[in-house]
Amino acid sequence: MYMGVEIGAAASAKRLRFARKPRVEVDAHAESDIDPELARAMERIEGKAGSYTERENLPDEVEPGVTYRDVRVRWRAAARLEHDEARREPDFGE
């Protein structure tokens, strides 16, 4: 069983110029904040997260003062909480 969320964004520009080199930081993480009793009942909850960027006509490291043309950027981040039911003890109706 899992629960997840995904968000994304897209941008485009005919011309793009940076006055200075941008500082970019992406921090994607997954965590669960659940009732301690429920957490004990579930043997294992694991979080996974990540992000992905796709660029057209824009290098990974841009240079100040350079004009980039016909730029397209797509960004996506996703987080997922998984419960490993295969490792859960059988429920005998206790």
Protein backbone atom coordinates (compact mmCIF):
# COMPACT_ATOMS: atom_id res chain seq x y z
CA MET A 1 0.00 0.00 0.00
CA TYR A 2 1.28 3.47 -0.72
CA MET A 3 0.28 7.12 -0.64
CA GLY A 4 1.92 9.68 -2.86
CA VAL A 5 1.89 13.21 -4.13
CA GLU A 6 3.41 14.71 -7.25
CA ILE A 7 3.70 18.33 -8.36
CA GLY A 8 5.11 19.84 -11.50
CA ALA A 9 5.72 23.09 -13.30
CA ALA A 10 6.68 24.19 -16.80
CA ALA A 11 8.05 27.45 -18.13
CA SER A 12 9.20 28.75 -21.50
CA ALA A 13 10.85 31.91 -22.78
CA LYS A 14 11.83 33.28 -26.17
CA ARG A 15 14.90 34.92 -24.59
CA LEU A 16 16.42 34.48 -21.16
CA ARG A 17 19.47 36.20 -19.65
CA PHE A 18 20.84 35.96 -16.12
CA ALA A 19 22.51 38.98 -14.49
CA ARG A 20 24.36 36.64 -12.11
CA LYS A 21 24.74 32.91 -11.67
CA PRO A 22 21.63 31.61 -9.84
CA ARG A 23 21.82 29.55 -6.66
CA VAL A 24 19.45 26.62 -6.98
CA GLU A 25 18.65 24.09 -4.28
CA VAL A 26 16.01 21.38 -4.35
CA ASP A 27 15.19 19.43 -1.19
CA ALA A 28 12.64 16.68 -1.67
CA HIS A 29 11.81 14.33 1.16
CA ALA A 30 8.99 12.13 2.39
CA GLU A 31 8.01 11.69 5.99
CA SER A 32 5.09 10.42 7.96
CA ASP A 33 3.63 12.20 10.98
CA ILE A 34 1.15 9.66 12.31
CA ASP A 35 -0.27 8.64 15.66
CA PRO A 36 2.33 6.57 17.62
CA GLU A 37 -0.21 3.79 18.26
CA LEU A 38 -0.94 3.51 14.54
CA ALA A 39 2.80 3.53 13.81
CA ARG A 40 3.30 0.56 16.14
CA ALA A 41 0.50 -1.32 14.37
CA MET A 42 2.23 -0.86 11.04
CA GLU A 43 5.50 -2.76 10.89
CA ARG A 44 7.20 -0.60 8.32
CA ILE A 45 6.57 2.74 6.65
CA GLU A 46 9.23 4.01 4.29
CA GLY A 47 9.41 7.37 2.51
CA LYS A 48 10.89 8.00 -0.92
CA ALA A 49 11.16 11.33 -2.71
CA GLY A 50 12.90 12.94 -5.62
CA SER A 51 12.79 15.61 -8.29
CA TYR A 52 13.49 15.74 -12.01
CA THR A 53 14.26 18.66 -14.31
CA GLU A 54 14.14 18.62 -18.10
CA ARG A 55 15.68 21.55 -19.99
CA GLU A 56 15.68 22.57 -23.63
CA ASN A 57 18.24 25.13 -24.87
CA LEU A 58 19.40 25.83 -21.30
CA PRO A 59 22.52 24.21 -19.82
CA ASP A 60 22.63 22.83 -16.28
CA GLU A 61 24.97 25.66 -15.31
CA VAL A 62 24.05 28.97 -16.92
CA GLU A 63 26.50 31.82 -17.49
CA PRO A 64 25.75 35.44 -16.53
CA GLY A 65 25.29 37.79 -19.49
CA VAL A 66 24.60 35.02 -22.02
CA THR A 67 21.25 35.15 -23.83
CA TYR A 68 19.56 31.77 -24.13
CA ARG A 69 16.85 31.46 -26.78
CA ASP A 70 13.71 29.31 -27.08
CA VAL A 71 14.11 27.99 -23.55
CA ARG A 72 11.82 25.38 -22.04
CA VAL A 73 12.08 23.96 -18.52
CA ARG A 74 9.92 21.26 -16.95
CA TRP A 75 10.24 20.34 -13.28
CA ARG A 76 8.61 17.57 -11.30
CA ALA A 77 8.85 16.49 -7.65
CA ALA A 78 7.24 13.47 -6.07
CA ALA A 79 7.03 11.92 -2.61
CA ARG A 80 5.67 8.53 -1.67
CA LEU A 81 5.03 6.76 1.62
CA GLU A 82 5.04 2.97 1.36
CA HIS A 83 3.87 0.33 3.78
CA ASP A 84 5.53 -3.02 3.18
CA GLU A 85 2.57 -5.34 3.79
CA ALA A 86 4.62 -8.42 2.91
CA ARG A 87 6.66 -7.92 6.10
CA ARG A 88 3.64 -7.40 8.32
CA GLU A 89 2.72 -10.11 10.83
CA PRO A 90 -0.51 -11.96 10.02
CA ASP A 91 -3.62 -10.70 11.78
CA PHE A 92 -5.34 -13.54 13.61
CA GLY A 93 -8.22 -11.40 14.86
CA GLU A 94 -6.60 -10.38 18.12
